[in-house]
Protein backbone atom coordinates (compact mmCIF):
# COMPACT_ATOMS: atom_id res chain seq x y z
CA UNK A 1 0.00 0.00 0.00
CA UNK A 2 1.54 3.35 -0.99
CA UNK A 3 2.07 5.92 1.72
CA UNK A 4 0.09 9.08 1.14
CA UNK A 5 1.75 12.33 2.10
CA UNK A 6 -0.47 14.78 3.95
CA UNK A 7 -0.16 18.42 4.86
CA UNK A 8 -1.51 19.85 8.10
CA UNK A 9 -2.97 22.73 6.09
CA UNK A 10 -5.35 20.28 4.38
CA UNK A 11 -7.11 19.75 7.72
CA UNK A 12 -7.41 23.39 8.79
CA UNK A 13 -10.81 24.14 7.30
CA UNK A 14 -12.50 26.21 10.06
CA UNK A 15 -11.43 28.78 12.62
CA UNK A 16 -12.12 26.16 15.29
CA UNK A 17 -9.69 23.79 13.56
CA UNK A 18 -7.07 26.53 13.40
CA UNK A 19 -7.48 27.50 17.06
CA UNK A 20 -7.24 23.87 18.20
CA UNK A 21 -4.16 23.32 16.03
CA UNK A 22 -2.39 26.44 17.31
CA UNK A 23 -3.27 25.61 20.91
CA UNK A 24 -1.77 22.15 20.43
CA UNK A 25 1.36 23.74 18.97
CA UNK A 26 1.66 26.06 21.99
CA UNK A 27 1.33 23.12 24.35
CA UNK A 28 3.95 21.11 22.45
CA UNK A 29 6.47 23.89 21.83
CA UNK A 30 7.97 23.93 25.32
CA UNK A 31 10.64 26.61 25.28
CA UNK A 32 11.07 26.61 21.49
CA UNK A 33 8.72 29.16 19.85
CA UNK A 34 9.92 28.14 16.39
CA UNK A 35 7.43 25.25 16.52
CA UNK A 36 4.58 27.73 16.88
CA UNK A 37 5.85 29.69 13.89
CA UNK A 38 5.91 26.50 11.80
CA UNK A 39 2.31 25.93 12.86
CA UNK A 40 1.45 29.45 11.71
CA UNK A 41 3.05 28.60 8.35
CA UNK A 42 0.60 25.70 8.01
CA UNK A 43 -2.27 28.04 8.91
CA UNK A 44 -1.03 30.52 6.31
CA UNK A 45 -1.01 27.77 3.67
CA UNK A 46 -4.57 26.84 4.62
CA UNK A 47 -5.67 30.47 4.29
CA UNK A 48 -4.20 31.26 0.90
CA UNK A 49 -0.44 31.17 1.36
CA UNK A 50 2.39 33.29 2.68
CA UNK A 51 1.79 36.10 0.18
CA UNK A 52 -1.84 36.48 1.27
CA UNK A 53 -0.84 36.46 4.93
CA UNK A 54 1.90 39.03 4.25
CA UNK A 55 -0.66 41.38 2.69
CA UNK A 56 -3.11 40.93 5.57
CA UNK A 57 -0.47 41.36 8.26
CA UNK A 58 1.29 44.17 6.40
CA UNK A 59 4.61 42.37 6.69
CA UNK A 60 7.21 41.92 3.99
CA UNK A 61 6.63 38.56 2.28
CA UNK A 62 10.28 37.49 2.41
CA UNK A 63 10.66 38.50 6.06
CA UNK A 64 7.42 36.71 6.92
CA UNK A 65 8.55 33.57 5.11
CA UNK A 66 11.78 33.62 7.12
CA UNK A 67 9.87 34.19 10.38
CA UNK A 68 7.60 31.23 9.63
CA UNK A 69 10.44 28.95 8.54
CA UNK A 70 10.95 27.54 12.01
CA UNK A 71 14.63 28.44 11.82
CA UNK A 72 14.42 31.72 13.71
CA UNK A 73 12.97 32.82 16.99
CA UNK A 74 9.98 35.07 16.33
CA UNK A 75 9.72 38.68 17.38
CA UNK A 76 6.70 39.51 19.49
CA UNK A 77 5.45 42.16 17.05
CA UNK A 78 5.63 39.64 14.20
CA UNK A 79 3.75 37.06 16.24
CA UNK A 80 1.06 39.61 17.12
CA UNK A 81 0.60 40.68 13.48
CA UNK A 82 0.53 37.11 12.19
CA UNK A 83 -1.97 35.92 14.77
CA UNK A 84 -4.27 38.88 14.08
CA UNK A 85 -4.06 38.27 10.32
CA UNK A 86 -4.95 34.62 10.90
CA UNK A 87 -8.00 35.65 12.90
CA UNK A 88 -6.82 34.38 16.28
CA UNK A 89 -5.96 36.15 19.54
CA UNK A 90 -2.99 35.58 21.78
CA UNK A 91 -4.00 34.82 25.38
CA UNK A 92 -2.37 33.85 28.60
CA UNK A 93 -3.90 31.63 31.25
CA UNK A 94 -3.01 29.53 34.26
C-alpha atoms as a PDB file:
ATOM      1  CA  UNK A   1       0.000   0.000   0.000  1.00  0.00           C
ATOM      2  CA  UNK A   2       1.540   3.345  -0.992  1.00  0.00           C
ATOM      3  CA  UNK A   3       2.066   5.923   1.716  1.00  0.00           C
ATOM      4  CA  UNK A   4       0.089   9.083   1.135  1.00  0.00           C
ATOM      5  CA  UNK A   5       1.749  12.333   2.105  1.00  0.00           C
ATOM      6  CA  UNK A   6      -0.466  14.780   3.948  1.00  0.00           C
ATOM      7  CA  UNK A   7      -0.162  18.417   4.862  1.00  0.00           C
ATOM      8  CA  UNK A   8      -1.511  19.850   8.097  1.00  0.00           C
ATOM      9  CA  UNK A   9      -2.968  22.729   6.095  1.00  0.00           C
ATOM     10  CA  UNK A  10      -5.349  20.278   4.383  1.00  0.00           C
ATOM     11  CA  UNK A  11      -7.111  19.754   7.722  1.00  0.00           C
ATOM     12  CA  UNK A  12      -7.415  23.387   8.794  1.00  0.00           C
ATOM     13  CA  UNK A  13     -10.812  24.136   7.303  1.00  0.00           C
ATOM     14  CA  UNK A  14     -12.503  26.206  10.057  1.00  0.00           C
ATOM     15  CA  UNK A  15     -11.435  28.785  12.620  1.00  0.00           C
ATOM     16  CA  UNK A  16     -12.116  26.161  15.294  1.00  0.00           C
ATOM     17  CA  UNK A  17      -9.686  23.788  13.561  1.00  0.00           C
ATOM     18  CA  UNK A  18      -7.066  26.532  13.400  1.00  0.00           C
ATOM     19  CA  UNK A  19      -7.484  27.499  17.065  1.00  0.00           C
ATOM     20  CA  UNK A  20      -7.245  23.869  18.198  1.00  0.00           C
ATOM     21  CA  UNK A  21      -4.164  23.317  16.028  1.00  0.00           C
ATOM     22  CA  UNK A  22      -2.392  26.440  17.305  1.00  0.00           C
ATOM     23  CA  UNK A  23      -3.274  25.608  20.915  1.00  0.00           C
ATOM     24  CA  UNK A  24      -1.773  22.148  20.432  1.00  0.00           C
ATOM     25  CA  UNK A  25       1.364  23.738  18.970  1.00  0.00           C
ATOM     26  CA  UNK A  26       1.661  26.065  21.985  1.00  0.00           C
ATOM     27  CA  UNK A  27       1.334  23.120  24.352  1.00  0.00           C
ATOM     28  CA  UNK A  28       3.951  21.112  22.452  1.00  0.00           C
ATOM     29  CA  UNK A  29       6.469  23.894  21.835  1.00  0.00           C
ATOM     30  CA  UNK A  30       7.971  23.931  25.324  1.00  0.00           C
ATOM     31  CA  UNK A  31      10.644  26.614  25.280  1.00  0.00           C
ATOM     32  CA  UNK A  32      11.074  26.611  21.489  1.00  0.00           C
ATOM     33  CA  UNK A  33       8.716  29.158  19.850  1.00  0.00           C
ATOM     34  CA  UNK A  34       9.918  28.137  16.394  1.00  0.00           C
ATOM     35  CA  UNK A  35       7.432  25.249  16.515  1.00  0.00           C
ATOM     36  CA  UNK A  36       4.581  27.729  16.879  1.00  0.00           C
ATOM     37  CA  UNK A  37       5.851  29.686  13.894  1.00  0.00           C
ATOM     38  CA  UNK A  38       5.907  26.503  11.796  1.00  0.00           C
ATOM     39  CA  UNK A  39       2.309  25.928  12.859  1.00  0.00           C
ATOM     40  CA  UNK A  40       1.452  29.452  11.714  1.00  0.00           C
ATOM     41  CA  UNK A  41       3.050  28.600   8.348  1.00  0.00           C
ATOM     42  CA  UNK A  42       0.596  25.704   8.007  1.00  0.00           C
ATOM     43  CA  UNK A  43      -2.269  28.044   8.911  1.00  0.00           C
ATOM     44  CA  UNK A  44      -1.026  30.517   6.306  1.00  0.00           C
ATOM     45  CA  UNK A  45      -1.006  27.770   3.673  1.00  0.00           C
ATOM     46  CA  UNK A  46      -4.568  26.836   4.620  1.00  0.00           C
ATOM     47  CA  UNK A  47      -5.671  30.468   4.294  1.00  0.00           C
ATOM     48  CA  UNK A  48      -4.201  31.258   0.898  1.00  0.00           C
ATOM     49  CA  UNK A  49      -0.437  31.172   1.361  1.00  0.00           C
ATOM     50  CA  UNK A  50       2.390  33.293   2.678  1.00  0.00           C
ATOM     51  CA  UNK A  51       1.787  36.097   0.183  1.00  0.00           C
ATOM     52  CA  UNK A  52      -1.840  36.479   1.268  1.00  0.00           C
ATOM     53  CA  UNK A  53      -0.837  36.462   4.934  1.00  0.00           C
ATOM     54  CA  UNK A  54       1.895  39.031   4.249  1.00  0.00           C
ATOM     55  CA  UNK A  55      -0.664  41.376   2.687  1.00  0.00           C
ATOM     56  CA  UNK A  56      -3.114  40.926   5.573  1.00  0.00           C
ATOM     57  CA  UNK A  57      -0.466  41.360   8.259  1.00  0.00           C
ATOM     58  CA  UNK A  58       1.289  44.170   6.400  1.00  0.00           C
ATOM     59  CA  UNK A  59       4.607  42.368   6.688  1.00  0.00           C
ATOM     60  CA  UNK A  60       7.211  41.921   3.987  1.00  0.00           C
ATOM     61  CA  UNK A  61       6.633  38.565   2.281  1.00  0.00           C
ATOM     62  CA  UNK A  62      10.279  37.487   2.411  1.00  0.00           C
ATOM     63  CA  UNK A  63      10.660  38.495   6.058  1.00  0.00           C
ATOM     64  CA  UNK A  64       7.422  36.710   6.915  1.00  0.00           C
ATOM     65  CA  UNK A  65       8.550  33.571   5.112  1.00  0.00           C
ATOM     66  CA  UNK A  66      11.778  33.623   7.122  1.00  0.00           C
ATOM     67  CA  UNK A  67       9.865  34.185  10.378  1.00  0.00           C
ATOM     68  CA  UNK A  68       7.595  31.228   9.631  1.00  0.00           C
ATOM     69  CA  UNK A  69      10.444  28.950   8.535  1.00  0.00           C
ATOM     70  CA  UNK A  70      10.949  27.543  12.011  1.00  0.00           C
ATOM     71  CA  UNK A  71      14.628  28.437  11.822  1.00  0.00           C
ATOM     72  CA  UNK A  72      14.423  31.725  13.708  1.00  0.00           C
ATOM     73  CA  UNK A  73      12.975  32.820  16.989  1.00  0.00           C
ATOM     74  CA  UNK A  74       9.976  35.072  16.327  1.00  0.00           C
ATOM     75  CA  UNK A  75       9.724  38.677  17.383  1.00  0.00           C
ATOM     76  CA  UNK A  76       6.704  39.509  19.492  1.00  0.00           C
ATOM     77  CA  UNK A  77       5.446  42.163  17.052  1.00  0.00           C
ATOM     78  CA  UNK A  78       5.628  39.642  14.199  1.00  0.00           C
ATOM     79  CA  UNK A  79       3.750  37.061  16.243  1.00  0.00           C
ATOM     80  CA  UNK A  80       1.060  39.610  17.117  1.00  0.00           C
ATOM     81  CA  UNK A  81       0.598  40.679  13.482  1.00  0.00           C
ATOM     82  CA  UNK A  82       0.534  37.109  12.189  1.00  0.00           C
ATOM     83  CA  UNK A  83      -1.972  35.919  14.772  1.00  0.00           C
ATOM     84  CA  UNK A  84      -4.273  38.880  14.079  1.00  0.00           C
ATOM     85  CA  UNK A  85      -4.063  38.274  10.322  1.00  0.00           C
ATOM     86  CA  UNK A  86      -4.946  34.617  10.897  1.00  0.00           C
ATOM     87  CA  UNK A  87      -7.999  35.647  12.897  1.00  0.00           C
ATOM     88  CA  UNK A  88      -6.816  34.381  16.284  1.00  0.00           C
ATOM     89  CA  UNK A  89      -5.960  36.150  19.542  1.00  0.00           C
ATOM     90  CA  UNK A  90      -2.986  35.584  21.779  1.00  0.00           C
ATOM     91  CA  UNK A  91      -4.002  34.819  25.378  1.00  0.00           C
ATOM     92  CA  UNK A  92      -2.366  33.850  28.604  1.00  0.00           C
ATOM     93  CA  UNK A  93      -3.905  31.626  31.246  1.00  0.00           C
ATOM     94  CA  UNK A  94      -3.006  29.532  34.256  1.00  0.00           C
END
